[in-house]
């Protein structure tokens, strides 16, 4: 299925989705946080999409908002999409976990939590993965201040 066909199909599920290709070969889908889990479940289980492989989950600081970018592939149909979700709530950023859909998300979400402070609702074991429990702040945020120069920019 090409990007146009994917966009038509996925767009029929939710009229609030935004689609771009942003100079990428992959279709980019922006979704509101409240619709994230439902969309991701549908992307995996729909017979025409079957996105059974979450191969990348990344936290992003866009300065005015924090978000997560998901790269999904269908190993059956051989198509790929990028799903983006963001929030302007920098004090308590949170999205629903997708670890119940793709098991590999458990560690990816812990990494994003560790470095960006983004919480994942209903995650089975959300705790720091790389940094110590005593670490203050989130070093991959653009507003992170490193007083003792542990992180080189």
N, C-alpha and C. Protein backbone atom coordinates (compact mmCIF):
# COMPACT_ATOMS: atom_id res chain seq x y z
N UNK A 1 0.86 -1.17 0.00
CA UNK A 1 0.00 0.00 0.00
C UNK A 1 0.91 1.24 0.00
N UNK A 2 0.65 2.18 -0.87
CA UNK A 2 1.46 3.39 -0.91
C UNK A 2 0.97 4.40 0.13
N UNK A 3 1.72 5.50 0.28
CA UNK A 3 1.39 6.50 1.30
C UNK A 3 0.02 7.11 1.10
N UNK A 4 -0.36 7.36 -0.14
CA UNK A 4 -1.68 7.95 -0.40
C UNK A 4 -2.79 7.00 0.03
N UNK A 5 -2.66 5.73 -0.28
CA UNK A 5 -3.66 4.74 0.12
C UNK A 5 -3.71 4.60 1.64
N UNK A 6 -2.53 4.59 2.27
CA UNK A 6 -2.49 4.52 3.73
C UNK A 6 -3.18 5.74 4.35
N UNK A 7 -2.88 6.92 3.81
CA UNK A 7 -3.49 8.13 4.33
C UNK A 7 -5.01 8.09 4.19
N UNK A 8 -5.51 7.64 3.05
CA UNK A 8 -6.97 7.56 2.85
C UNK A 8 -7.61 6.59 3.83
N UNK A 9 -6.98 5.43 4.02
CA UNK A 9 -7.53 4.43 4.94
C UNK A 9 -7.49 4.94 6.38
N UNK A 10 -6.32 5.34 6.85
CA UNK A 10 -6.15 5.76 8.24
C UNK A 10 -6.94 7.03 8.52
N UNK A 11 -7.00 7.94 7.55
CA UNK A 11 -7.79 9.16 7.70
C UNK A 11 -9.28 8.89 7.86
N UNK A 12 -9.75 7.78 7.32
CA UNK A 12 -11.18 7.43 7.47
C UNK A 12 -11.50 6.98 8.89
N UNK A 13 -10.49 6.63 9.67
CA UNK A 13 -10.71 6.20 11.05
C UNK A 13 -10.91 7.37 12.00
N UNK A 14 -10.26 8.51 11.71
CA UNK A 14 -10.28 9.65 12.63
C UNK A 14 -10.02 10.92 11.83
N UNK A 15 -10.99 11.82 11.82
CA UNK A 15 -10.86 13.05 11.03
C UNK A 15 -9.92 14.07 11.66
N UNK A 16 -9.51 13.86 12.91
CA UNK A 16 -8.62 14.82 13.58
C UNK A 16 -7.14 14.54 13.33
N UNK A 17 -6.81 13.48 12.61
CA UNK A 17 -5.42 13.17 12.32
C UNK A 17 -4.88 14.15 11.29
N UNK A 18 -3.59 14.46 11.40
CA UNK A 18 -2.92 15.31 10.44
C UNK A 18 -1.85 14.48 9.74
N UNK A 19 -1.76 14.62 8.42
CA UNK A 19 -0.81 13.82 7.63
C UNK A 19 0.17 14.72 6.90
N UNK A 20 1.43 14.31 6.91
CA UNK A 20 2.46 14.98 6.11
C UNK A 20 3.48 13.93 5.67
N UNK A 21 4.28 14.30 4.70
CA UNK A 21 5.40 13.44 4.33
C UNK A 21 6.71 14.13 4.67
N UNK A 22 6.67 15.43 4.97
CA UNK A 22 7.81 16.20 5.45
C UNK A 22 9.12 15.85 4.76
N UNK A 23 9.12 15.67 3.47
CA UNK A 23 10.33 15.33 2.75
C UNK A 23 10.82 13.93 3.04
N UNK A 24 9.97 13.14 3.65
CA UNK A 24 10.32 11.76 4.02
C UNK A 24 9.66 10.80 3.06
N UNK A 25 10.20 9.64 2.94
CA UNK A 25 9.54 8.62 2.13
C UNK A 25 8.38 7.98 2.88
N UNK A 26 8.28 8.27 4.18
CA UNK A 26 7.23 7.67 5.00
C UNK A 26 6.11 8.65 5.28
N UNK A 27 4.91 8.14 5.38
CA UNK A 27 3.77 8.95 5.77
C UNK A 27 3.89 9.30 7.25
N UNK A 28 3.78 10.58 7.59
CA UNK A 28 3.84 11.05 8.97
C UNK A 28 2.43 11.37 9.43
N UNK A 29 2.06 10.84 10.59
CA UNK A 29 0.73 11.02 11.15
C UNK A 29 0.87 11.72 12.49
N UNK A 30 0.19 12.84 12.68
CA UNK A 30 0.14 13.51 13.98
C UNK A 30 -1.20 13.22 14.61
N UNK A 31 -1.16 12.81 15.88
CA UNK A 31 -2.37 12.41 16.58
C UNK A 31 -2.45 13.14 17.92
N UNK A 32 -3.65 13.44 18.35
CA UNK A 32 -3.86 14.05 19.66
C UNK A 32 -3.62 13.00 20.75
N UNK A 33 -3.09 13.40 21.90
CA UNK A 33 -2.80 12.43 22.96
C UNK A 33 -3.97 11.52 23.34
N UNK A 34 -5.17 12.06 23.36
CA UNK A 34 -6.33 11.25 23.76
C UNK A 34 -6.63 10.12 22.76
N UNK A 35 -6.25 10.30 21.51
CA UNK A 35 -6.53 9.30 20.49
C UNK A 35 -5.33 8.37 20.22
N UNK A 36 -4.19 8.62 20.88
CA UNK A 36 -2.97 7.87 20.59
C UNK A 36 -3.14 6.36 20.72
N UNK A 37 -3.58 5.89 21.87
CA UNK A 37 -3.64 4.45 22.10
C UNK A 37 -4.61 3.77 21.13
N UNK A 38 -5.75 4.38 20.93
CA UNK A 38 -6.75 3.80 20.02
C UNK A 38 -6.20 3.70 18.60
N UNK A 39 -5.53 4.77 18.14
CA UNK A 39 -4.95 4.74 16.80
C UNK A 39 -3.88 3.65 16.69
N UNK A 40 -2.99 3.59 17.66
CA UNK A 40 -1.91 2.62 17.60
C UNK A 40 -2.44 1.19 17.60
N UNK A 41 -3.44 0.93 18.40
CA UNK A 41 -4.05 -0.41 18.43
C UNK A 41 -4.65 -0.74 17.07
N UNK A 42 -5.33 0.22 16.48
CA UNK A 42 -5.95 0.01 15.17
C UNK A 42 -4.90 -0.18 14.08
N UNK A 43 -3.80 0.57 14.15
CA UNK A 43 -2.73 0.41 13.17
C UNK A 43 -2.15 -1.01 13.21
N UNK A 44 -2.08 -1.58 14.41
CA UNK A 44 -1.52 -2.93 14.52
C UNK A 44 -2.53 -4.00 14.10
N UNK A 45 -3.78 -3.85 14.49
CA UNK A 45 -4.75 -4.94 14.32
C UNK A 45 -5.54 -4.90 13.03
N UNK A 46 -5.59 -3.76 12.35
CA UNK A 46 -6.35 -3.69 11.10
C UNK A 46 -5.68 -4.57 10.04
N UNK A 47 -6.44 -5.38 9.37
CA UNK A 47 -5.90 -6.33 8.38
C UNK A 47 -5.19 -5.64 7.22
N UNK A 48 -5.59 -4.40 6.90
CA UNK A 48 -4.96 -3.70 5.78
C UNK A 48 -3.66 -2.99 6.16
N UNK A 49 -3.46 -2.75 7.45
CA UNK A 49 -2.24 -2.06 7.88
C UNK A 49 -1.27 -3.03 8.57
N UNK A 50 -1.70 -3.75 9.55
CA UNK A 50 -0.90 -4.74 10.28
C UNK A 50 0.49 -4.24 10.65
N UNK A 51 0.56 -3.09 11.33
CA UNK A 51 1.84 -2.58 11.79
C UNK A 51 2.26 -3.36 13.03
N UNK A 52 2.91 -4.47 12.79
CA UNK A 52 3.26 -5.39 13.87
C UNK A 52 4.64 -5.14 14.46
N UNK A 53 5.39 -4.19 13.93
CA UNK A 53 6.76 -3.96 14.36
C UNK A 53 6.98 -2.50 14.70
N UNK A 54 7.17 -2.22 15.99
CA UNK A 54 7.56 -0.89 16.45
C UNK A 54 9.08 -0.90 16.48
N UNK A 55 9.71 -0.26 15.49
CA UNK A 55 11.16 -0.35 15.42
C UNK A 55 11.88 0.86 15.98
N UNK A 56 11.15 1.91 16.34
CA UNK A 56 11.79 3.06 16.97
C UNK A 56 10.73 3.87 17.72
N UNK A 57 11.09 4.29 18.92
CA UNK A 57 10.25 5.16 19.73
C UNK A 57 11.20 6.17 20.35
N UNK A 58 10.99 7.46 20.04
CA UNK A 58 11.95 8.49 20.43
C UNK A 58 11.25 9.67 21.09
N UNK A 59 11.82 10.18 22.17
CA UNK A 59 11.34 11.42 22.77
C UNK A 59 11.91 12.60 22.01
N UNK A 60 11.13 13.69 21.97
CA UNK A 60 11.57 14.90 21.27
C UNK A 60 11.18 16.12 22.09
N UNK A 61 12.09 17.07 22.17
CA UNK A 61 11.81 18.37 22.78
C UNK A 61 11.76 19.39 21.65
N UNK A 62 10.56 19.88 21.35
CA UNK A 62 10.39 20.89 20.30
C UNK A 62 10.41 22.29 20.90
N UNK A 63 10.96 22.45 22.07
CA UNK A 63 11.07 23.69 22.83
C UNK A 63 9.75 24.16 23.41
N UNK A 64 8.70 24.27 22.62
CA UNK A 64 7.40 24.68 23.16
C UNK A 64 6.56 23.48 23.57
N UNK A 65 6.95 22.30 23.14
CA UNK A 65 6.22 21.10 23.49
C UNK A 65 7.17 19.91 23.58
N UNK A 66 6.70 18.87 24.24
CA UNK A 66 7.43 17.60 24.32
C UNK A 66 6.59 16.55 23.61
N UNK A 67 7.26 15.59 23.01
CA UNK A 67 6.50 14.58 22.30
C UNK A 67 7.25 13.29 22.11
N UNK A 68 6.58 12.38 21.45
CA UNK A 68 7.14 11.08 21.13
C UNK A 68 6.89 10.80 19.65
N UNK A 69 7.90 10.22 19.01
CA UNK A 69 7.80 9.84 17.60
C UNK A 69 7.96 8.32 17.53
N UNK A 70 6.99 7.68 16.88
CA UNK A 70 6.97 6.23 16.75
C UNK A 70 7.17 5.86 15.28
N UNK A 71 8.05 4.91 15.00
CA UNK A 71 8.22 4.37 13.65
C UNK A 71 7.66 2.95 13.64
N UNK A 72 6.69 2.72 12.77
CA UNK A 72 6.01 1.43 12.70
C UNK A 72 6.19 0.82 11.32
N UNK A 73 6.34 -0.49 11.30
CA UNK A 73 6.43 -1.21 10.03
C UNK A 73 5.51 -2.41 10.05
N UNK A 74 4.96 -2.72 8.91
CA UNK A 74 4.22 -3.95 8.72
C UNK A 74 5.15 -4.96 8.06
N UNK A 75 5.47 -6.02 8.78
CA UNK A 75 6.34 -7.04 8.18
C UNK A 75 5.57 -7.88 7.17
N UNK A 76 4.27 -7.78 7.18
CA UNK A 76 3.43 -8.49 6.21
C UNK A 76 3.31 -7.69 4.92
N UNK A 77 2.91 -6.42 5.04
CA UNK A 77 2.65 -5.57 3.86
C UNK A 77 3.86 -4.75 3.43
N UNK A 78 4.87 -4.67 4.28
CA UNK A 78 6.11 -3.94 3.99
C UNK A 78 5.90 -2.43 3.80
N UNK A 79 5.00 -1.86 4.58
CA UNK A 79 4.89 -0.40 4.57
C UNK A 79 5.25 0.15 5.95
N UNK A 80 5.63 1.43 5.98
CA UNK A 80 6.12 2.09 7.18
C UNK A 80 5.40 3.42 7.36
N UNK A 81 5.08 3.74 8.61
CA UNK A 81 4.54 5.06 8.94
C UNK A 81 5.27 5.60 10.17
N UNK A 82 5.18 6.91 10.32
CA UNK A 82 5.71 7.60 11.48
C UNK A 82 4.53 8.27 12.18
N UNK A 83 4.38 8.01 13.48
CA UNK A 83 3.30 8.60 14.27
C UNK A 83 3.91 9.55 15.29
N UNK A 84 3.34 10.77 15.35
CA UNK A 84 3.85 11.78 16.28
C UNK A 84 2.73 12.24 17.21
N UNK A 85 3.10 12.40 18.48
CA UNK A 85 2.17 12.93 19.47
C UNK A 85 2.95 13.94 20.31
N UNK A 86 2.26 15.01 20.73
CA UNK A 86 2.96 16.01 21.53
C UNK A 86 2.02 16.69 22.50
N UNK A 87 2.62 17.29 23.52
CA UNK A 87 1.88 18.04 24.52
C UNK A 87 2.65 19.30 24.87
N UNK A 88 1.93 20.36 25.16
CA UNK A 88 2.57 21.60 25.60
C UNK A 88 2.78 21.62 27.10
N UNK A 89 2.29 20.60 27.80
CA UNK A 89 2.45 20.49 29.25
C UNK A 89 3.86 19.99 29.57
N UNK A 90 4.78 20.91 29.77
CA UNK A 90 6.18 20.54 30.04
C UNK A 90 6.38 20.13 31.50
N UNK A 91 5.44 20.50 32.38
CA UNK A 91 5.59 20.14 33.80
C UNK A 91 5.16 18.70 34.07
N UNK A 92 4.12 18.25 33.40
CA UNK A 92 3.62 16.89 33.59
C UNK A 92 3.27 16.25 32.24
N UNK A 93 4.26 16.08 31.38
CA UNK A 93 3.96 15.47 30.08
C UNK A 93 3.63 13.99 30.25
N UNK A 94 2.55 13.56 29.63
CA UNK A 94 2.14 12.15 29.77
C UNK A 94 1.34 11.72 28.55
N UNK A 95 1.59 10.48 28.15
CA UNK A 95 0.84 9.84 27.07
C UNK A 95 0.53 8.42 27.52
N UNK A 96 -0.43 7.80 26.89
CA UNK A 96 -0.72 6.40 27.20
C UNK A 96 0.39 5.51 26.67
N UNK A 97 0.71 4.48 27.42
CA UNK A 97 1.72 3.53 26.98
C UNK A 97 1.22 2.75 25.76
N UNK A 98 2.15 2.31 24.94
CA UNK A 98 1.81 1.38 23.86
C UNK A 98 2.50 0.03 24.12
N UNK A 99 3.02 -0.14 25.34
CA UNK A 99 3.71 -1.39 25.68
C UNK A 99 2.78 -2.59 25.72
N UNK A 100 1.49 -2.34 25.86
CA UNK A 100 0.53 -3.44 25.79
C UNK A 100 0.25 -3.85 24.34
N UNK A 101 0.66 -3.02 23.40
CA UNK A 101 0.47 -3.31 21.98
C UNK A 101 1.75 -3.91 21.39
N UNK A 102 2.90 -3.27 21.71
CA UNK A 102 4.21 -3.76 21.28
C UNK A 102 5.07 -3.87 22.52
N UNK A 103 5.44 -5.06 22.89
CA UNK A 103 6.22 -5.32 24.12
C UNK A 103 7.53 -4.52 24.13
N UNK A 104 8.15 -4.35 22.98
CA UNK A 104 9.42 -3.63 22.91
C UNK A 104 9.31 -2.18 23.40
N UNK A 105 8.11 -1.63 23.44
CA UNK A 105 7.92 -0.25 23.89
C UNK A 105 8.25 -0.08 25.37
N UNK A 106 8.21 -1.16 26.14
CA UNK A 106 8.50 -1.05 27.57
C UNK A 106 9.82 -0.35 27.83
N UNK A 107 10.90 -0.82 27.20
CA UNK A 107 12.21 -0.22 27.43
C UNK A 107 12.36 1.13 26.74
N UNK A 108 11.81 1.28 25.55
CA UNK A 108 11.88 2.57 24.85
C UNK A 108 11.18 3.65 25.68
N UNK A 109 10.03 3.34 26.23
CA UNK A 109 9.30 4.33 27.03
C UNK A 109 10.06 4.65 28.32
N UNK A 110 10.71 3.68 28.90
CA UNK A 110 11.52 3.94 30.10
C UNK A 110 12.69 4.88 29.76
N UNK A 111 13.29 4.70 28.59
CA UNK A 111 14.38 5.58 28.16
C UNK A 111 13.87 7.01 27.98
N UNK A 112 12.72 7.17 27.33
CA UNK A 112 12.13 8.50 27.12
C UNK A 112 11.77 9.13 28.46
N UNK A 113 11.23 8.35 29.37
CA UNK A 113 10.92 8.85 30.71
C UNK A 113 12.20 9.33 31.40
N UNK A 114 13.25 8.53 31.32
CA UNK A 114 14.51 8.82 31.97
C UNK A 114 15.14 10.12 31.47
N UNK A 115 15.16 10.33 30.17
CA UNK A 115 15.88 11.46 29.59
C UNK A 115 15.02 12.68 29.29
N UNK A 116 13.70 12.51 29.17
CA UNK A 116 12.81 13.63 28.85
C UNK A 116 11.76 13.91 29.94
N UNK A 117 11.54 12.96 30.85
CA UNK A 117 10.54 13.14 31.89
C UNK A 117 9.12 12.93 31.42
N UNK A 118 8.94 12.33 30.26
CA UNK A 118 7.60 12.05 29.75
C UNK A 118 7.10 10.76 30.40
N UNK A 119 5.94 10.85 31.03
CA UNK A 119 5.35 9.69 31.70
C UNK A 119 4.46 8.94 30.71
N UNK A 120 4.35 7.65 30.92
CA UNK A 120 3.50 6.80 30.09
C UNK A 120 2.46 6.13 30.98
N UNK A 121 1.22 6.61 30.86
CA UNK A 121 0.13 6.08 31.68
C UNK A 121 -0.03 4.58 31.45
N UNK A 122 -0.19 3.85 32.54
CA UNK A 122 -0.44 2.41 32.54
C UNK A 122 0.79 1.58 32.15
N UNK A 123 1.96 2.19 32.16
CA UNK A 123 3.19 1.43 31.89
C UNK A 123 3.41 0.45 33.04
N UNK A 124 3.81 -0.79 32.75
CA UNK A 124 3.94 -1.79 33.81
C UNK A 124 5.12 -1.59 34.76
N UNK A 125 6.12 -0.80 34.39
CA UNK A 125 7.31 -0.67 35.23
C UNK A 125 8.07 0.62 34.91
N UNK A 126 7.38 1.74 34.99
CA UNK A 126 7.99 3.01 34.59
C UNK A 126 8.93 3.52 35.68
N UNK A 127 10.20 3.36 35.43
CA UNK A 127 11.23 3.87 36.33
C UNK A 127 12.47 4.16 35.49
N UNK A 128 13.42 4.84 36.10
CA UNK A 128 14.65 5.19 35.38
C UNK A 128 15.32 3.94 34.84
N UNK A 129 15.92 4.10 33.66
CA UNK A 129 16.57 2.98 32.99
C UNK A 129 18.09 3.14 33.00
N UNK A 130 18.59 4.34 32.74
CA UNK A 130 20.02 4.60 32.65
C UNK A 130 20.55 5.45 33.81
N UNK A 131 19.80 6.47 34.20
CA UNK A 131 20.25 7.39 35.23
C UNK A 131 19.88 6.87 36.62
N UNK A 132 20.59 7.34 37.63
CA UNK A 132 20.29 6.92 39.00
C UNK A 132 19.01 7.58 39.50
N UNK A 133 18.42 7.00 40.51
CA UNK A 133 17.20 7.57 41.09
C UNK A 133 17.45 8.95 41.68
N UNK A 134 18.70 9.25 42.04
CA UNK A 134 19.04 10.54 42.63
C UNK A 134 19.22 11.65 41.59
N UNK A 135 19.30 11.28 40.32
CA UNK A 135 19.53 12.26 39.25
C UNK A 135 18.39 13.27 39.23
N UNK A 136 18.75 14.55 39.13
CA UNK A 136 17.75 15.61 39.09
C UNK A 136 17.65 16.13 37.67
N UNK A 137 16.44 16.15 37.13
CA UNK A 137 16.21 16.71 35.81
C UNK A 137 16.25 15.68 34.70
N UNK A 138 16.10 16.18 33.48
CA UNK A 138 16.00 15.33 32.30
C UNK A 138 16.98 15.85 31.25
N UNK A 139 18.13 15.20 31.11
CA UNK A 139 19.24 15.77 30.34
C UNK A 139 19.04 15.94 28.85
N UNK A 140 18.03 15.35 28.24
CA UNK A 140 17.83 15.57 26.81
C UNK A 140 16.81 16.67 26.50
N UNK A 141 16.30 17.30 27.54
CA UNK A 141 15.44 18.47 27.32
C UNK A 141 16.31 19.67 26.98
N UNK A 142 15.80 20.50 26.11
CA UNK A 142 16.58 21.67 25.68
C UNK A 142 16.76 22.70 26.79
N UNK A 143 15.90 22.67 27.80
CA UNK A 143 16.03 23.62 28.91
C UNK A 143 16.81 23.04 30.09
N UNK A 144 17.41 21.88 29.91
CA UNK A 144 18.17 21.25 30.99
C UNK A 144 19.44 22.05 31.27
N UNK A 145 19.68 22.33 32.54
CA UNK A 145 20.86 23.05 32.95
C UNK A 145 21.79 22.07 33.65
N UNK A 146 23.01 21.99 33.16
CA UNK A 146 24.00 21.06 33.69
C UNK A 146 25.06 21.85 34.46
N UNK A 147 24.84 22.00 35.75
CA UNK A 147 25.72 22.83 36.57
C UNK A 147 27.14 22.28 36.69
N UNK A 148 27.29 20.95 36.66
CA UNK A 148 28.63 20.39 36.87
C UNK A 148 29.22 19.81 35.59
N UNK A 149 28.61 20.16 34.45
CA UNK A 149 29.14 19.81 33.14
C UNK A 149 29.28 18.31 32.91
N UNK A 150 28.31 17.54 33.37
CA UNK A 150 28.32 16.10 33.12
C UNK A 150 27.85 15.78 31.72
N UNK A 151 27.02 16.65 31.16
CA UNK A 151 26.50 16.44 29.82
C UNK A 151 27.09 17.50 28.91
N UNK A 152 27.78 17.11 27.89
CA UNK A 152 28.41 18.05 26.96
C UNK A 152 27.44 18.32 25.82
N UNK A 153 27.24 19.59 25.52
CA UNK A 153 26.31 19.94 24.44
C UNK A 153 27.06 20.23 23.19
